[in-house]
Amino acid sequence: MAKTILFGYGTLKRGGRNYFRLADQEFVGEVTTAPRYRVIDLGAHPGLIREANGLAIHGELFAVDAKCLAALDAFEEVPGPFVRELIEVEGYGEVWAYYMNTPVPDGANTGDRWPL
């Protein structure tokens, strides 16, 4: 069965409070993206955006099955506050990630990893 490679950058990472949603999936490794993105601190969780003045984002890759991906899409409310689209990861090419689908809050802190 084909697996989808997913980039986690927030609460889904190992040790994060939502990692249990991925705990039975295959951990691929710690990675960084191409320097085209920013992590936005939304308080309880982060968001990801594409940014012309972007950074290389630190995160983790997981190989997830279709059932897990469907459950994650529902958890992330895709499409809604988040959308799942491709992101460029160094050494892996394009993989899937959850992006913010809402405006960045005024004055929000941004960085290359979460928590900031």
PDB file of N, CA and C in Angstrom:
ATOM      1  N   MET A   1       0.842  -1.177   0.000  1.00  0.00           N
ATOM      2  CA  MET A   1       0.000   0.000   0.000  1.00  0.00           C
ATOM      3  C   MET A   1       0.894   1.250   0.000  1.00  0.00           C
ATOM      4  N   ALA A   2       0.587   2.195  -0.864  1.00  0.00           N
ATOM      5  CA  ALA A   2       1.380   3.412  -0.989  1.00  0.00           C
ATOM      6  C   ALA A   2       1.233   4.278   0.258  1.00  0.00           C
ATOM      7  N   LYS A   3       2.322   4.913   0.618  1.00  0.00           N
ATOM      8  CA  LYS A   3       2.328   5.823   1.760  1.00  0.00           C
ATOM      9  C   LYS A   3       2.540   7.247   1.251  1.00  0.00           C
ATOM     10  N   THR A   4       2.043   8.204   2.018  1.00  0.00           N
ATOM     11  CA  THR A   4       2.228   9.614   1.723  1.00  0.00           C
ATOM     12  C   THR A   4       3.280  10.157   2.680  1.00  0.00           C
ATOM     13  N   ILE A   5       4.243  10.902   2.143  1.00  0.00           N
ATOM     14  CA  ILE A   5       5.268  11.505   2.991  1.00  0.00           C
ATOM     15  C   ILE A   5       4.751  12.869   3.444  1.00  0.00           C
ATOM     16  N   LEU A   6       4.713  13.059   4.760  1.00  0.00           N
ATOM     17  CA  LEU A   6       4.141  14.248   5.376  1.00  0.00           C
ATOM     18  C   LEU A   6       5.181  14.949   6.242  1.00  0.00           C
ATOM     19  N   PHE A   7       5.259  16.265   6.103  1.00  0.00           N
ATOM     20  CA  PHE A   7       6.162  17.105   6.892  1.00  0.00           C
ATOM     21  C   PHE A   7       5.422  17.632   8.104  1.00  0.00           C
ATOM     22  N   GLY A   8       5.926  17.325   9.303  1.00  0.00           N
ATOM     23  CA  GLY A   8       5.353  17.836  10.548  1.00  0.00           C
ATOM     24  C   GLY A   8       6.261  18.891  11.139  1.00  0.00           C
ATOM     25  N   TYR A   9       5.692  20.006  11.573  1.00  0.00           N
ATOM     26  CA  TYR A   9       6.500  21.113  12.085  1.00  0.00           C
ATOM     27  C   TYR A   9       6.002  21.655  13.421  1.00  0.00           C
ATOM     28  N   GLY A  10       4.954  21.051  13.972  1.00  0.00           N
ATOM     29  CA  GLY A  10       4.372  21.580  15.203  1.00  0.00           C
ATOM     30  C   GLY A  10       3.991  20.489  16.174  1.00  0.00           C
ATOM     31  N   THR A  11       2.726  20.472  16.557  1.00  0.00           N
ATOM     32  CA  THR A  11       2.258  19.550  17.598  1.00  0.00           C
ATOM     33  C   THR A  11       2.267  18.091  17.154  1.00  0.00           C
ATOM     34  N   LEU A  12       2.434  17.826  15.848  1.00  0.00           N
ATOM     35  CA  LEU A  12       2.491  16.443  15.353  1.00  0.00           C
ATOM     36  C   LEU A  12       3.892  15.834  15.473  1.00  0.00           C
ATOM     37  N   LYS A  13       4.905  16.657  15.737  1.00  0.00           N
ATOM     38  CA  LYS A  13       6.260  16.136  15.859  1.00  0.00           C
ATOM     39  C   LYS A  13       6.376  15.206  17.063  1.00  0.00           C
ATOM     40  N   ARG A  14       7.390  14.334  17.025  1.00  0.00           N
ATOM     41  CA  ARG A  14       7.655  13.445  18.159  1.00  0.00           C
ATOM     42  C   ARG A  14       7.795  14.281  19.424  1.00  0.00           C
ATOM     43  N   GLY A  15       7.106  13.877  20.468  1.00  0.00           N
ATOM     44  CA  GLY A  15       7.127  14.617  21.718  1.00  0.00           C
ATOM     45  C   GLY A  15       6.054  15.697  21.796  1.00  0.00           C
ATOM     46  N   GLY A  16       5.427  16.016  20.670  1.00  0.00           N
ATOM     47  CA  GLY A  16       4.356  17.013  20.660  1.00  0.00           C
ATOM     48  C   GLY A  16       3.051  16.421  21.169  1.00  0.00           C
ATOM     49  N   ARG A  17       2.143  17.281  21.572  1.00  0.00           N
ATOM     50  CA  ARG A  17       0.913  16.786  22.201  1.00  0.00           C
ATOM     51  C   ARG A  17      -0.004  16.042  21.234  1.00  0.00           C
ATOM     52  N   ASN A  18       0.182  16.199  19.927  1.00  0.00           N
ATOM     53  CA  ASN A  18      -0.628  15.458  18.958  1.00  0.00           C
ATOM     54  C   ASN A  18       0.160  14.374  18.219  1.00  0.00           C
ATOM     55  N   TYR A  19       1.366  14.099  18.702  1.00  0.00           N
ATOM     56  CA  TYR A  19       2.166  13.044  18.076  1.00  0.00           C
ATOM     57  C   TYR A  19       1.438  11.701  18.089  1.00  0.00           C
ATOM     58  N   PHE A  20       0.588  11.475  19.085  1.00  0.00           N
ATOM     59  CA  PHE A  20      -0.129  10.192  19.166  1.00  0.00           C
ATOM     60  C   PHE A  20      -0.882   9.896  17.866  1.00  0.00           C
ATOM     61  N   ARG A  21      -1.224  10.914  17.105  1.00  0.00           N
ATOM     62  CA  ARG A  21      -1.932  10.728  15.830  1.00  0.00           C
ATOM     63  C   ARG A  21      -1.034  10.089  14.765  1.00  0.00           C
ATOM     64  N   LEU A  22       0.288  10.158  14.977  1.00  0.00           N
ATOM     65  CA  LEU A  22       1.269   9.601  14.031  1.00  0.00           C
ATOM     66  C   LEU A  22       2.099   8.479  14.638  1.00  0.00           C
ATOM     67  N   ALA A  23       1.880   8.175  15.898  1.00  0.00           N
ATOM     68  CA  ALA A  23       2.775   7.271  16.631  1.00  0.00           C
ATOM     69  C   ALA A  23       2.916   5.897  15.988  1.00  0.00           C
ATOM     70  N   ASP A  24       1.881   5.422  15.283  1.00  0.00           N
ATOM     71  CA  ASP A  24       1.971   4.100  14.657  1.00  0.00           C
ATOM     72  C   ASP A  24       2.390   4.172  13.186  1.00  0.00           C
ATOM     73  N   GLN A  25       2.810   5.352  12.737  1.00  0.00           N
ATOM     74  CA  GLN A  25       3.267   5.541  11.361  1.00  0.00           C
ATOM     75  C   GLN A  25       4.792   5.533  11.331  1.00  0.00           C
ATOM     76  N   GLU A  26       5.358   5.469  10.145  1.00  0.00           N
ATOM     77  CA  GLU A  26       6.812   5.374  10.000  1.00  0.00           C
ATOM     78  C   GLU A  26       7.481   6.746  10.084  1.00  0.00           C
ATOM     79  N   PHE A  27       8.360   6.922  11.071  1.00  0.00           N
ATOM     80  CA  PHE A  27       9.177   8.135  11.167  1.00  0.00           C
ATOM     81  C   PHE A  27      10.285   8.025  10.138  1.00  0.00           C
ATOM     82  N   VAL A  28      10.421   9.031   9.277  1.00  0.00           N
ATOM     83  CA  VAL A  28      11.433   9.020   8.218  1.00  0.00           C
ATOM     84  C   VAL A  28      12.700   9.733   8.667  1.00  0.00           C
ATOM     85  N   GLY A  29      12.544  10.903   9.315  1.00  0.00           N
ATOM     86  CA  GLY A  29      13.723  11.609   9.799  1.00  0.00           C
ATOM     87  C   GLY A  29      13.473  13.075  10.061  1.00  0.00           C
ATOM     88  N   GLU A  30      14.454  13.699  10.709  1.00  0.00           N
ATOM     89  CA  GLU A  30      14.436  15.138  10.934  1.00  0.00           C
ATOM     90  C   GLU A  30      14.969  15.816   9.681  1.00  0.00           C
ATOM     91  N   VAL A  31      14.319  16.896   9.269  1.00  0.00           N
ATOM     92  CA  VAL A  31      14.651  17.558   8.006  1.00  0.00           C
ATOM     93  C   VAL A  31      14.498  19.066   8.139  1.00  0.00           C
ATOM     94  N   THR A  32      14.961  19.758   7.108  1.00  0.00           N
ATOM     95  CA  THR A  32      14.669  21.178   6.935  1.00  0.00           C
ATOM     96  C   THR A  32      14.145  21.389   5.521  1.00  0.00           C
ATOM     97  N   THR A  33      13.323  22.405   5.386  1.00  0.00           N
ATOM     98  CA  THR A  33      12.757  22.737   4.083  1.00  0.00           C
ATOM     99  C   THR A  33      13.711  23.639   3.306  1.00  0.00           C
ATOM    100  N   ALA A  34      13.375  23.873   2.062  1.00  0.00           N
ATOM    101  CA  ALA A  34      14.029  24.937   1.309  1.00  0.00           C
ATOM    102  C   ALA A  34      13.696  26.252   2.029  1.00  0.00           C
ATOM    103  N   PRO A  35      14.506  27.300   1.888  1.00  0.00           N
ATOM    104  CA  PRO A  35      14.280  28.555   2.634  1.00  0.00           C
ATOM    105  C   PRO A  35      13.201  29.432   2.002  1.00  0.00           C
ATOM    106  N   ARG A  36      11.973  28.931   2.001  1.00  0.00           N
ATOM    107  CA  ARG A  36      10.869  29.642   1.352  1.00  0.00           C
ATOM    108  C   ARG A  36       9.623  29.759   2.228  1.00  0.00           C
ATOM    109  N   TYR A  37       9.759  29.498   3.522  1.00  0.00           N
ATOM    110  CA  TYR A  37       8.584  29.372   4.374  1.00  0.00           C
ATOM    111  C   TYR A  37       8.813  30.065   5.710  1.00  0.00           C
ATOM    112  N   ARG A  38       7.755  30.205   6.473  1.00  0.00           N
ATOM    113  CA  ARG A  38       7.848  30.688   7.855  1.00  0.00           C
ATOM    114  C   ARG A  38       6.816  29.953   8.704  1.00  0.00           C
ATOM    115  N   VAL A  39       7.202  29.683   9.947  1.00  0.00           N
ATOM    116  CA  VAL A  39       6.285  29.142  10.935  1.00  0.00           C
ATOM    117  C   VAL A  39       5.713  30.335  11.695  1.00  0.00           C
ATOM    118  N   ILE A  40       4.396  30.355  11.841  1.00  0.00           N
ATOM    119  CA  ILE A  40       3.691  31.410  12.546  1.00  0.00           C
ATOM    120  C   ILE A  40       3.251  30.863  13.899  1.00  0.00           C
ATOM    121  N   ASP A  41       3.550  31.590  14.977  1.00  0.00           N
ATOM    122  CA  ASP A  41       3.127  31.173  16.313  1.00  0.00           C
ATOM    123  C   ASP A  41       1.677  31.584  16.509  1.00  0.00           C
ATOM    124  N   LEU A  42       0.788  30.596  16.597  1.00  0.00           N
ATOM    125  CA  LEU A  42      -0.636  30.849  16.796  1.00  0.00           C
ATOM    126  C   LEU A  42      -1.061  30.538  18.229  1.00  0.00           C
ATOM    127  N   GLY A  43      -0.084  30.468  19.129  1.00  0.00           N
ATOM    128  CA  GLY A  43      -0.389  30.185  20.535  1.00  0.00           C
ATOM    129  C   GLY A  43      -0.297  28.703  20.823  1.00  0.00           C
ATOM    130  N   ALA A  44      -1.438  28.021  20.794  1.00  0.00           N
ATOM    131  CA  ALA A  44      -1.486  26.596  21.121  1.00  0.00           C
ATOM    132  C   ALA A  44      -0.881  25.715  20.037  1.00  0.00           C
ATOM    133  N   HIS A  45      -0.725  26.258  18.847  1.00  0.00           N
ATOM    134  CA  HIS A  45      -0.158  25.497  17.732  1.00  0.00           C
ATOM    135  C   HIS A  45       0.415  26.482  16.722  1.00  0.00           C
ATOM    136  N   PRO A  46       1.239  25.990  15.787  1.00  0.00           N
ATOM    137  CA  PRO A  46       1.790  26.862  14.756  1.00  0.00           C
ATOM    138  C   PRO A  46       0.993  26.772  13.459  1.00  0.00           C
ATOM    139  N   GLY A  47       1.319  27.663  12.549  1.00  0.00           N
ATOM    140  CA  GLY A  47       0.852  27.597  11.175  1.00  0.00           C
ATOM    141  C   GLY A  47       2.058  27.760  10.270  1.00  0.00           C
ATOM    142  N   LEU A  48       1.918  27.385   9.028  1.00  0.00           N
ATOM    143  CA  LEU A  48       3.001  27.462   8.060  1.00  0.00           C
ATOM    144  C   LEU A  48       2.540  28.298   6.882  1.00  0.00           C
ATOM    145  N   ILE A  49       3.419  29.186   6.405  1.00  0.00           N
ATOM    146  CA  ILE A  49       3.112  29.982   5.211  1.00  0.00           C
ATOM    147  C   ILE A  49       4.305  29.963   4.266  1.00  0.00           C
ATOM    148  N   ARG A  50       4.024  30.225   2.989  1.00  0.00           N
ATOM    149  CA  ARG A  50       5.085  30.493   2.023  1.00  0.00           C
ATOM    150  C   ARG A  50       5.425  31.965   2.172  1.00  0.00           C
ATOM    151  N   GLU A  51       6.705  32.283   2.046  1.00  0.00           N
ATOM    152  CA  GLU A  51       7.146  33.657   2.278  1.00  0.00           C
ATOM    153  C   GLU A  51       8.309  33.965   1.361  1.00  0.00           C
ATOM    154  N   ALA A  52       8.243  35.111   0.670  1.00  0.00           N
ATOM    155  CA  ALA A  52       9.341  35.512  -0.213  1.00  0.00           C
ATOM    156  C   ALA A  52      10.636  35.650   0.579  1.00  0.00           C
ATOM    157  N   ASN A  53      10.551  36.164   1.797  1.00  0.00           N
ATOM    158  CA  ASN A  53      11.701  36.311   2.688  1.00  0.00           C
ATOM    159  C   ASN A  53      11.694  35.144   3.670  1.00  0.00           C
ATOM    160  N   GLY A  54      11.639  33.932   3.136  1.00  0.00           N
ATOM    161  CA  GLY A  54      11.425  32.750   3.958  1.00  0.00           C
ATOM    162  C   GLY A  54      12.671  32.217   4.628  1.00  0.00           C
ATOM    163  N   LEU A  55      12.425  31.208   5.451  1.00  0.00           N
ATOM    164  CA  LEU A  55      13.461  30.520   6.205  1.00  0.00           C
ATOM    165  C   LEU A  55      13.383  29.028   5.910  1.00  0.00           C
ATOM    166  N   ALA A  56      14.452  28.307   6.239  1.00  0.00           N
ATOM    167  CA  ALA A  56      14.438  26.846   6.180  1.00  0.00           C
ATOM    168  C   ALA A  56      13.795  26.351   7.474  1.00  0.00           C
ATOM    169  N   ILE A  57      12.642  25.710   7.365  1.00  0.00           N
ATOM    170  CA  ILE A  57      11.865  25.282   8.521  1.00  0.00           C
ATOM    171  C   ILE A  57      12.338  23.910   9.000  1.00  0.00           C
ATOM    172  N   HIS A  58      12.495  23.779  10.303  1.00  0.00           N
ATOM    173  CA  HIS A  58      12.891  22.510  10.917  1.00  0.00           C
ATOM    174  C   HIS A  58      11.644  21.692  11.229  1.00  0.00           C
ATOM    175  N   GLY A  59      11.680  20.418  10.844  1.00  0.00           N
ATOM    176  CA  GLY A  59      10.541  19.547  11.115  1.00  0.00           C
ATOM    177  C   GLY A  59      10.922  18.095  10.966  1.00  0.00           C
ATOM    178  N   GLU A  60       9.892  17.264  10.831  1.00  0.00           N
ATOM    179  CA  GLU A  60      10.083  15.819  10.739  1.00  0.00           C
ATOM    180  C   GLU A  60       9.224  15.259   9.617  1.00  0.00           C
ATOM    181  N   LEU A  61       9.729  14.211   8.991  1.00  0.00           N
ATOM    182  CA  LEU A  61       8.966  13.525   7.949  1.00  0.00           C
ATOM    183  C   LEU A  61       8.433  12.204   8.481  1.00  0.00           C
ATOM    184  N   PHE A  62       7.205  11.915   8.066  1.00  0.00           N
ATOM    185  CA  PHE A  62       6.551  10.654   8.382  1.00  0.00           C
ATOM    186  C   PHE A  62       5.972  10.065   7.102  1.00  0.00           C
ATOM    187  N   ALA A  63       6.034   8.743   6.977  1.00  0.00           N
ATOM    188  CA  ALA A  63       5.348   8.025   5.900  1.00  0.00           C
ATOM    189  C   ALA A  63       4.034   7.543   6.496  1.00  0.00           C
ATOM    190  N   VAL A  64       2.921   8.085   6.012  1.00  0.00           N
ATOM    191  CA  VAL A  64       1.613   7.793   6.606  1.00  0.00           C
ATOM    192  C   VAL A  64       0.728   7.039   5.622  1.00  0.00           C
ATOM    193  N   ASP A  65      -0.109   6.163   6.158  1.00  0.00           N
ATOM    194  CA  ASP A  65      -1.034   5.423   5.303  1.00  0.00           C
ATOM    195  C   ASP A  65      -2.291   6.261   5.051  1.00  0.00           C
ATOM    196  N   ALA A  66      -3.132   5.796   4.148  1.00  0.00           N
ATOM    197  CA  ALA A  66      -4.317   6.550   3.729  1.00  0.00           C
ATOM    198  C   ALA A  66      -5.277   6.803   4.886  1.00  0.00           C
ATOM    199  N   LYS A  67      -5.436   5.842   5.775  1.00  0.00           N
ATOM    200  CA  LYS A  67      -6.341   6.004   6.918  1.00  0.00           C
ATOM    201  C   LYS A  67      -5.840   7.115   7.840  1.00  0.00           C
ATOM    202  N   CYS A  68      -4.544   7.121   8.137  1.00  0.00           N
ATOM    203  CA  CYS A  68      -3.958   8.141   8.992  1.00  0.00           C
ATOM    204  C   CYS A  68      -4.065   9.514   8.323  1.00  0.00           C
ATOM    205  N   LEU A  69      -3.775   9.590   7.025  1.00  0.00           N
ATOM    206  CA  LEU A  69      -3.848  10.864   6.309  1.00  0.00           C
ATOM    207  C   LEU A  69      -5.262  11.430   6.339  1.00  0.00           C
ATOM    208  N   ALA A  70      -6.249  10.588   6.144  1.00  0.00           N
ATOM    209  CA  ALA A  70      -7.645  11.040   6.199  1.00  0.00           C
ATOM    210  C   ALA A  70      -7.984  11.557   7.594  1.00  0.00           C
ATOM    211  N   ALA A  71      -7.506  10.868   8.638  1.00  0.00           N
ATOM    212  CA  ALA A  71      -7.756  11.307  10.009  1.00  0.00           C
ATOM    213  C   ALA A  71      -7.044  12.631  10.297  1.00  0.00           C
ATOM    214  N   LEU A  72      -5.825  12.793   9.785  1.00  0.00           N
ATOM    215  CA  LEU A  72      -5.100  14.053   9.974  1.00  0.00           C
ATOM    216  C   LEU A  72      -5.785  15.197   9.240  1.00  0.00           C
ATOM    217  N   ASP A  73      -6.248  14.940   8.014  1.00  0.00           N
ATOM    218  CA  ASP A  73      -6.982  15.977   7.274  1.00  0.00           C
ATOM    219  C   ASP A  73      -8.207  16.431   8.066  1.00  0.00           C
ATOM    220  N   ALA A  74      -8.921  15.497   8.671  1.00  0.00           N
ATOM    221  CA  ALA A  74     -10.092  15.849   9.476  1.00  0.00           C
ATOM    222  C   ALA A  74      -9.666  16.643  10.713  1.00  0.00           C
ATOM    223  N   PHE A  75      -8.591  16.209  11.380  1.00  0.00           N
ATOM    224  CA  PHE A  75      -8.086  16.908  12.554  1.00  0.00           C
ATOM    225  C   PHE A  75      -7.670  18.341  12.217  1.00  0.00           C
ATOM    226  N   GLU A  76      -7.000  18.514  11.075  1.00  0.00           N
ATOM    227  CA  GLU A  76      -6.522  19.838  10.654  1.00  0.00           C
ATOM    228  C   GLU A  76      -7.628  20.666   9.989  1.00  0.00           C
ATOM    229  N   GLU A  77      -8.820  20.083   9.864  1.00  0.00           N
ATOM    230  CA  GLU A  77      -9.983  20.739   9.251  1.00  0.00           C
ATOM    231  C   GLU A  77      -9.710  21.169   7.810  1.00  0.00           C
ATOM    232  N   VAL A  78      -9.121  20.246   7.043  1.00  0.00           N
ATOM    233  CA  VAL A  78      -8.795  20.475   5.633  1.00  0.00           C
ATOM    234  C   VAL A  78      -9.991  20.134   4.763  1.00  0.00           C
ATOM    235  N   PRO A  79     -10.386  20.974   3.825  1.00  0.00           N
ATOM    236  CA  PRO A  79      -9.945  22.368   3.696  1.00  0.00           C
ATOM    237  C   PRO A  79     -10.741  23.253   4.629  1.00  0.00           C
ATOM    238  N   GLY A  80     -10.088  24.179   5.237  1.00  0.00           N
ATOM    239  CA  GLY A  80     -10.675  25.092   6.210  1.00  0.00           C
ATOM    240  C   GLY A  80      -9.575  25.990   6.704  1.00  0.00           C
ATOM    241  N   PRO A  81      -9.321  26.009   8.024  1.00  0.00           N
ATOM    242  CA  PRO A  81      -8.239  26.844   8.538  1.00  0.00           C
ATOM    243  C   PRO A  81      -6.869  26.421   7.999  1.00  0.00           C
ATOM    244  N   PHE A  82      -6.782  25.153   7.580  1.00  0.00           N
ATOM    245  CA  PHE A  82      -5.547  24.633   6.991  1.00  0.00           C
ATOM    246  C   PHE A  82      -5.861  23.913   5.683  1.00  0.00           C
ATOM    247  N   VAL A  83      -4.864  23.882   4.799  1.00  0.00           N
ATOM    248  CA  VAL A  83      -4.925  23.107   3.558  1.00  0.00           C
ATOM    249  C   VAL A  83      -3.667  22.250   3.492  1.00  0.00           C
ATOM    250  N   ARG A  84      -3.766  21.111   2.821  1.00  0.00           N
ATOM    251  CA  ARG A  84      -2.591  20.246   2.637  1.00  0.00           C
ATOM    252  C   ARG A  84      -2.075  20.456   1.231  1.00  0.00           C
ATOM    253  N   GLU A  85      -0.827  20.935   1.142  1.00  0.00           N
ATOM    254  CA  GLU A  85      -0.190  21.206  -0.141  1.00  0.00           C
ATOM    255  C   GLU A  85       1.263  20.767  -0.081  1.00  0.00           C
ATOM    256  N   LEU A  86       1.925  20.785  -1.227  1.00  0.00           N
ATOM    257  CA  LEU A  86       3.319  20.357  -1.304  1.00  0.00           C
ATOM    258  C   LEU A  86       4.261  21.406  -0.727  1.00  0.00           C
ATOM    259  N   ILE A  87       5.358  20.912  -0.160  1.00  0.00           N
ATOM    260  CA  ILE A  87       6.424  21.756   0.379  1.00  0.00           C
ATOM    261  C   ILE A  87       7.742  21.134  -0.071  1.00  0.00           C
ATOM    262  N   GLU A  88       8.749  21.966  -0.287  1.00  0.00           N
ATOM    263  CA  GLU A  88      10.051  21.473  -0.732  1.00  0.00           C
ATOM    264  C   GLU A  88      10.964  21.228   0.466  1.00  0.00           C
ATOM    265  N   VAL A  89      11.388  19.976   0.623  1.00  0.00           N
ATOM    266  CA  VAL A  89      12.244  19.564   1.733  1.00  0.00           C
ATOM    267  C   VAL A  89      13.611  19.177   1.186  1.00  0.00           C
ATOM    268  N   GLU A  90      14.651  19.719   1.795  1.00  0.00           N
ATOM    269  CA  GLU A  90      16.026  19.437   1.366  1.00  0.00           C
ATOM    270  C   GLU A  90      16.296  17.931   1.394  1.00  0.00           C
ATOM    271  N   GLY A  91      16.794  17.413   0.276  1.00  0.00           N
ATOM    272  CA  GLY A  91      17.149  16.004   0.183  1.00  0.00           C
ATOM    273  C   GLY A  91      16.004  15.064  -0.145  1.00  0.00           C
ATOM    274  N   TYR A  92      14.763  15.567  -0.158  1.00  0.00           N
ATOM    275  CA  TYR A  92      13.600  14.715  -0.413  1.00  0.00           C
ATOM    276  C   TYR A  92      12.726  15.224  -1.553  1.00  0.00           C
ATOM    277  N   GLY A  93      12.918  16.451  -1.986  1.00  0.00           N
ATOM    278  CA  GLY A  93      12.031  17.021  -2.998  1.00  0.00           C
ATOM    279  C   GLY A  93      10.732  17.479  -2.365  1.00  0.00           C
ATOM    280  N   GLU A  94       9.636  17.285  -3.068  1.00  0.00           N
ATOM    281  CA  GLU A  94       8.342  17.751  -2.574  1.00  0.00           C
ATOM    282  C   GLU A  94       7.631  16.673  -1.761  1.00  0.00           C
ATOM    283  N   VAL A  95       7.128  17.086  -0.615  1.00  0.00           N
ATOM    284  CA  VAL A  95       6.321  16.240   0.268  1.00  0.00           C
ATOM    285  C   VAL A  95       5.110  17.068   0.688  1.00  0.00           C
ATOM    286  N   TRP A  96       4.200  16.482   1.427  1.00  0.00           N
ATOM    287  CA  TRP A  96       2.981  17.174   1.837  1.00  0.00           C
ATOM    288  C   TRP A  96       3.152  17.841   3.193  1.00  0.00           C
ATOM    289  N   ALA A  97       2.471  18.973   3.365  1.00  0.00           N
ATOM    290  CA  ALA A  97       2.474  19.700   4.643  1.00  0.00           C
ATOM    291  C   ALA A  97       1.150  20.433   4.792  1.00  0.00           C
ATOM    292  N   TYR A  98       0.832  20.783   6.018  1.00  0.00           N
ATOM    293  CA  TYR A  98      -0.368  21.575   6.299  1.00  0.00           C
ATOM    294  C   TYR A  98       0.005  23.049   6.389  1.00  0.00           C
ATOM    295  N   TYR A  99      -0.637  23.860   5.557  1.00  0.00           N
ATOM    296  CA  TYR A  99      -0.418  25.307   5.505  1.00  0.00           C
ATOM    297  C   TYR A  99      -1.611  26.037   6.104  1.00  0.00           C
ATOM    298  N   MET A 100      -1.345  27.231   6.646  1.00  0.00           N
ATOM    299  CA  MET A 100      -2.424  28.115   7.089  1.00  0.00           C
ATOM    300  C   MET A 100      -3.247  28.526   5.878  1.00  0.00           C
ATOM    301  N   ASN A 101      -4.542  28.563   6.050  1.00  0.00           N
ATOM    302  CA  ASN A 101      -5.461  28.973   5.001  1.00  0.00           C
ATOM    303  C   ASN A 101      -6.249  30.211   5.461  1.00  0.00           C
ATOM    304  N   THR A 102      -5.640  30.950   6.395  1.00  0.00           N
ATOM    305  CA  THR A 102      -6.236  32.162   6.954  1.00  0.00           C
ATOM    306  C   THR A 102      -5.155  33.241   6.987  1.00  0.00           C
ATOM    307  N   PRO A 103      -5.545  34.507   7.085  1.00  0.00           N
ATOM    308  CA  PRO A 103      -4.525  35.565   7.166  1.00  0.00           C
ATOM    309  C   PRO A 103      -3.653  35.423   8.411  1.00  0.00           C
ATOM    310  N   VAL A 104      -2.408  35.842   8.284  1.00  0.00           N
ATOM    311  CA  VAL A 104      -1.500  35.841   9.431  1.00  0.00           C
ATOM    312  C   VAL A 104      -1.965  36.936  10.392  1.00  0.00           C
ATOM    313  N   PRO A 105      -2.143  36.604  11.672  1.00  0.00           N
ATOM    314  CA  PRO A 105      -2.562  37.630  12.640  1.00  0.00           C
ATOM    315  C   PRO A 105      -1.536  38.759  12.721  1.00  0.00           C
ATOM    316  N   ASP A 106      -2.008  39.992  12.854  1.00  0.00           N
ATOM    317  CA  ASP A 106      -1.117  41.142  13.008  1.00  0.00           C
ATOM    318  C   ASP A 106      -0.202  40.928  14.207  1.00  0.00           C
ATOM    319  N   GLY A 107       1.084  41.190  14.006  1.00  0.00           N
ATOM    320  CA  GLY A 107       2.046  41.094  15.094  1.00  0.00           C
ATOM    321  C   GLY A 107       2.441  39.687  15.498  1.00  0.00           C
ATOM    322  N   ALA A 108       2.007  38.683  14.741  1.00  0.00           N
ATOM    323  CA  ALA A 108       2.353  37.296  15.084  1.00  0.00           C
ATOM    324  C   ALA A 108       3.854  37.075  14.973  1.00  0.00           C
ATOM    325  N   ASN A 109       4.397  36.322  15.911  1.00  0.00           N
ATOM    326  CA  ASN A 109       5.816  35.967  15.856  1.00  0.00           C
ATOM    327  C   ASN A 109       6.003  34.873  14.819  1.00  0.00           C
ATOM    328  N   THR A 110       7.129  34.954  14.100  1.00  0.00           N
ATOM    329  CA  THR A 110       7.444  33.940  13.093  1.00  0.00           C
ATOM    330  C   THR A 110       8.872  33.461  13.316  1.00  0.00           C
ATOM    331  N   GLY A 111       9.169  32.299  12.765  1.00  0.00           N
ATOM    332  CA  GLY A 111      10.512  31.767  12.882  1.00  0.00           C
ATOM    333  C   GLY A 111      10.703  30.550  12.018  1.00  0.00           C
ATOM    334  N   ASP A 112      11.750  29.773  12.320  1.00  0.00           N
ATOM    335  CA  ASP A 112      12.100  28.608  11.510  1.00  0.00           C
ATOM    336  C   ASP A 112      11.747  27.284  12.176  1.00  0.00           C
ATOM    337  N   ARG A 113      11.102  27.357  13.356  1.00  0.00           N
ATOM    338  CA  ARG A 113      10.701  26.141  14.077  1.00  0.00           C
ATOM    339  C   ARG A 113       9.666  26.507  15.112  1.00  0.00           C
ATOM    340  N   TRP A 114       8.960  25.489  15.618  1.00  0.00           N
ATOM    341  CA  TRP A 114       7.985  25.718  16.673  1.00  0.00           C
ATOM    342  C   TRP A 114       8.219  24.705  17.774  1.00  0.00           C
ATOM    343  N   PRO A 115       8.148  25.078  19.044  1.00  0.00           N
ATOM    344  CA  PRO A 115       7.874  26.446  19.486  1.00  0.00           C
ATOM    345  C   PRO A 115       9.034  27.378  19.127  1.00  0.00           C
ATOM    346  N   LEU A 116       8.688  28.657  18.973  1.00  0.00           N
ATOM    347  CA  LEU A 116       9.692  29.660  18.577  1.00  0.00           C
ATOM    348  C   LEU A 116      10.677  29.873  19.714  1.00  0.00           C
TER     349      LEU A 116
END
